[in-house]
Amino acid sequence: MQLRAFGYGRSADTSKRGKTADVYPMRLVAKPQVGGRPLVRDGLMAGAVAGVLSGAPSTVHALLTGRDPLAAAVAAGDLLLRREGSPGRSRAARMLAGAVAHTGLSLGWGTVLAVAVRRTSLPPVPAGVAAGAVIAALDLGLLAHGRPGRRWPLIRALPVWPQVADHLAFGAVAGEVLRRRG
């Protein structure tokens, strides 16, 4: 590859009418954003919308089975507030901590998903569902129900399949938001 003015390179590929194509060097010039929107903003938007809507499967399951529909929100508070060290913490404090934890995780995973969707050839919604499955395997399988999960007994106590459905819904909704944002 030969460097040209402004840090662009010229590739050796001459398949386009005998002309060489411009190549974006990794360190010198950032590749322009698709549609002119920053990737992080799209990811934060996708994470925010998906974070709000993705709890529907477990909430519906809880209502249909007579369980507490807010148990997942209280359990998410277990991520920030140690259960053993704070037996006097109120349910409201745990729900507030759960909202903070869930918001942070949703925005973070939404941003990761925005990067993944842009880098794959899959359509955004199927890519989001696949990413939701991977996130569920990591969050629920490895962290919550694996060896580290002993730290979060409230999360371990939740039924697994509704939580998996929440993660798949998160991926699908985030994928749809990313598809609409271009």
Protein backbone atom coordinates (compact mmCIF):
# COMPACT_ATOMS: atom_id res chain seq x y z
CA MET A 1 0.00 0.00 0.00
CA GLN A 2 1.34 3.40 -0.93
CA LEU A 3 0.55 6.44 1.28
CA ARG A 4 -0.81 9.58 -0.36
CA ALA A 5 -1.52 13.09 0.82
CA PHE A 6 -3.78 13.41 3.88
CA GLY A 7 -2.77 9.95 5.12
CA TYR A 8 -4.86 7.96 2.65
CA GLY A 9 -3.42 4.85 1.15
CA ARG A 10 -3.82 3.54 -2.36
CA SER A 11 -4.56 -0.16 -2.66
CA ALA A 12 -3.12 -2.46 -5.26
CA ASP A 13 -6.61 -3.45 -6.42
CA THR A 14 -7.12 -2.10 -9.94
CA SER A 15 -10.38 -3.89 -10.67
CA LYS A 16 -12.36 -0.64 -10.93
CA ARG A 17 -11.59 0.60 -14.46
CA GLY A 18 -7.87 0.46 -13.93
CA LYS A 19 -7.94 2.90 -11.00
CA THR A 20 -6.78 2.03 -7.52
CA ALA A 21 -9.21 2.41 -4.63
CA ASP A 22 -8.61 4.70 -1.65
CA VAL A 23 -8.08 2.85 1.62
CA TYR A 24 -8.68 4.32 5.09
CA PRO A 25 -5.61 3.78 7.22
CA MET A 26 -6.44 2.64 10.72
CA ARG A 27 -4.46 5.18 12.71
CA LEU A 28 -4.38 8.22 10.50
CA VAL A 29 -7.94 8.97 9.38
CA ALA A 30 -11.19 7.78 10.95
CA LYS A 31 -13.65 6.11 8.62
CA PRO A 32 -16.71 8.34 8.16
CA GLN A 33 -19.86 7.33 10.03
CA VAL A 34 -22.66 5.69 8.09
CA GLY A 35 -25.52 8.15 7.78
CA GLY A 36 -23.52 10.83 9.57
CA ARG A 37 -24.58 9.71 13.08
CA PRO A 38 -22.04 8.82 15.75
CA LEU A 39 -21.98 5.15 16.63
CA VAL A 40 -22.08 5.75 20.39
CA ARG A 41 -25.23 7.88 20.15
CA ASP A 42 -27.00 5.13 18.20
CA GLY A 43 -25.87 2.55 20.75
CA LEU A 44 -27.04 4.62 23.70
CA MET A 45 -30.42 5.18 22.06
CA ALA A 46 -30.77 1.47 21.25
CA GLY A 47 -29.79 0.52 24.80
CA ALA A 48 -32.19 3.03 26.34
CA VAL A 49 -35.21 1.93 24.32
CA ALA A 50 -34.39 -1.77 24.65
CA GLY A 51 -33.72 -1.40 28.38
CA VAL A 52 -37.19 0.02 28.93
CA LEU A 53 -39.07 -2.52 26.79
CA SER A 54 -37.08 -5.71 27.30
CA GLY A 55 -38.45 -6.56 30.75
CA ALA A 56 -41.88 -7.35 29.32
CA PRO A 57 -41.41 -11.15 28.98
CA SER A 58 -40.39 -11.71 32.61
CA THR A 59 -43.01 -9.26 33.89
CA VAL A 60 -45.79 -11.03 31.97
CA HIS A 61 -44.47 -14.41 33.21
CA ALA A 62 -44.46 -13.15 36.79
CA LEU A 63 -48.02 -11.86 36.52
CA LEU A 64 -49.27 -15.11 34.94
CA THR A 65 -47.59 -17.30 37.56
CA GLY A 66 -48.51 -15.18 40.58
CA ARG A 67 -44.93 -14.10 41.27
CA ASP A 68 -43.80 -10.61 42.22
CA PRO A 69 -43.48 -8.62 38.95
CA LEU A 70 -40.90 -6.32 40.56
CA ALA A 71 -38.65 -9.14 41.79
CA ALA A 72 -36.28 -8.68 38.85
CA ALA A 73 -35.90 -4.97 39.61
CA VAL A 74 -35.16 -5.73 43.27
CA ALA A 75 -32.72 -8.48 42.22
CA ALA A 76 -30.89 -6.10 39.90
CA GLY A 77 -30.29 -3.93 42.95
CA ASP A 78 -28.34 -6.88 44.33
CA LEU A 79 -25.65 -6.07 41.75
CA LEU A 80 -24.85 -2.78 43.50
CA LEU A 81 -25.94 -3.43 47.08
CA ARG A 82 -24.44 -6.40 48.86
CA ARG A 83 -27.27 -8.39 50.40
CA GLU A 84 -25.30 -9.79 53.32
CA GLY A 85 -23.85 -6.44 54.36
CA SER A 86 -27.15 -4.57 54.28
CA PRO A 87 -30.06 -6.58 55.68
CA GLY A 88 -31.91 -3.39 56.62
CA ARG A 89 -31.98 -1.99 53.07
CA SER A 90 -35.49 -1.23 52.02
CA ARG A 91 -37.16 -2.65 48.95
CA ALA A 92 -37.34 0.86 47.48
CA ALA A 93 -33.57 1.31 47.89
CA ARG A 94 -32.98 -2.03 46.14
CA MET A 95 -35.33 -1.06 43.31
CA LEU A 96 -33.55 2.28 42.88
CA ALA A 97 -30.18 0.53 42.82
CA GLY A 98 -31.64 -1.98 40.36
CA ALA A 99 -32.77 0.82 38.07
CA VAL A 100 -29.29 2.36 38.15
CA ALA A 101 -27.62 -1.00 37.48
CA HIS A 102 -30.04 -1.92 34.70
CA THR A 103 -29.66 1.48 33.04
CA GLY A 104 -25.87 1.23 33.03
CA LEU A 105 -25.89 -2.32 31.70
CA SER A 106 -28.48 -1.51 29.03
CA LEU A 107 -26.59 1.53 27.76
CA GLY A 108 -23.33 -0.40 27.74
CA TRP A 109 -24.72 -3.44 25.95
CA GLY A 110 -26.59 -1.17 23.51
CA THR A 111 -23.32 0.47 22.53
CA VAL A 112 -21.60 -2.91 22.15
CA LEU A 113 -24.53 -4.05 20.03
CA ALA A 114 -24.29 -0.95 17.80
CA VAL A 115 -20.67 -1.81 17.04
CA ALA A 116 -21.50 -5.48 16.44
CA VAL A 117 -24.43 -4.72 14.13
CA ARG A 118 -22.33 -2.38 12.02
CA ARG A 119 -19.59 -4.99 11.68
CA THR A 120 -21.74 -7.93 10.62
CA SER A 121 -23.51 -8.70 7.38
CA LEU A 122 -26.60 -9.95 9.24
CA PRO A 123 -29.68 -7.71 9.31
CA PRO A 124 -29.85 -5.70 12.57
CA VAL A 125 -32.76 -7.52 14.25
CA PRO A 126 -31.42 -11.09 13.80
CA ALA A 127 -27.97 -9.83 14.79
CA GLY A 128 -29.53 -8.25 17.87
CA VAL A 129 -31.32 -11.46 18.83
CA ALA A 130 -28.07 -13.40 18.44
CA ALA A 131 -26.28 -10.81 20.56
CA GLY A 132 -29.09 -11.03 23.14
CA ALA A 133 -28.49 -14.78 23.36
CA VAL A 134 -24.77 -14.21 23.91
CA ILE A 135 -25.49 -11.55 26.54
CA ALA A 136 -27.92 -13.93 28.28
CA ALA A 137 -25.30 -16.69 28.29
CA LEU A 138 -22.78 -14.30 29.82
CA ASP A 139 -25.08 -12.49 32.28
CA LEU A 140 -27.21 -15.40 33.38
CA GLY A 141 -25.16 -18.48 32.63
CA LEU A 142 -21.67 -17.45 33.57
CA LEU A 143 -22.16 -14.60 36.03
CA ALA A 144 -25.49 -15.21 37.77
CA HIS A 145 -25.57 -19.00 37.86
CA GLY A 146 -21.87 -19.72 37.65
CA ARG A 147 -19.34 -19.46 40.46
CA PRO A 148 -19.58 -15.61 40.71
CA GLY A 149 -23.37 -15.93 41.05
CA ARG A 150 -23.07 -16.84 44.73
CA ARG A 151 -22.69 -13.09 45.31
CA TRP A 152 -26.16 -12.41 43.87
CA PRO A 153 -28.68 -14.76 45.47
CA LEU A 154 -31.68 -12.65 44.44
CA ILE A 155 -30.72 -12.97 40.77
CA ARG A 156 -30.14 -16.71 41.15
CA ALA A 157 -33.64 -17.04 42.63
CA LEU A 158 -35.33 -15.67 39.50
CA PRO A 159 -36.72 -18.14 36.93
CA VAL A 160 -34.11 -18.47 34.17
CA TRP A 161 -36.19 -18.76 30.98
CA PRO A 162 -38.14 -15.52 31.43
CA GLN A 163 -34.82 -13.76 32.01
CA VAL A 164 -33.43 -15.33 28.82
CA ALA A 165 -36.55 -14.08 26.99
CA ASP A 166 -35.82 -10.58 28.37
CA HIS A 167 -32.30 -10.72 26.94
CA LEU A 168 -33.55 -11.90 23.54
CA ALA A 169 -36.15 -9.11 23.56
CA PHE A 170 -33.41 -6.63 24.45
CA GLY A 171 -31.39 -7.73 21.41
CA ALA A 172 -34.40 -7.65 19.09
CA VAL A 173 -35.53 -4.18 20.22
CA ALA A 174 -32.00 -2.77 20.12
CA GLY A 175 -31.53 -4.25 16.64
CA GLU A 176 -34.76 -2.64 15.46
CA VAL A 177 -33.74 0.74 16.86
CA LEU A 178 -30.36 0.45 15.13
CA ARG A 179 -32.08 -0.56 11.87
CA ARG A 180 -34.31 2.50 12.00
CA ARG A 181 -31.43 4.80 12.82
CA GLY A 182 -29.65 3.68 9.71
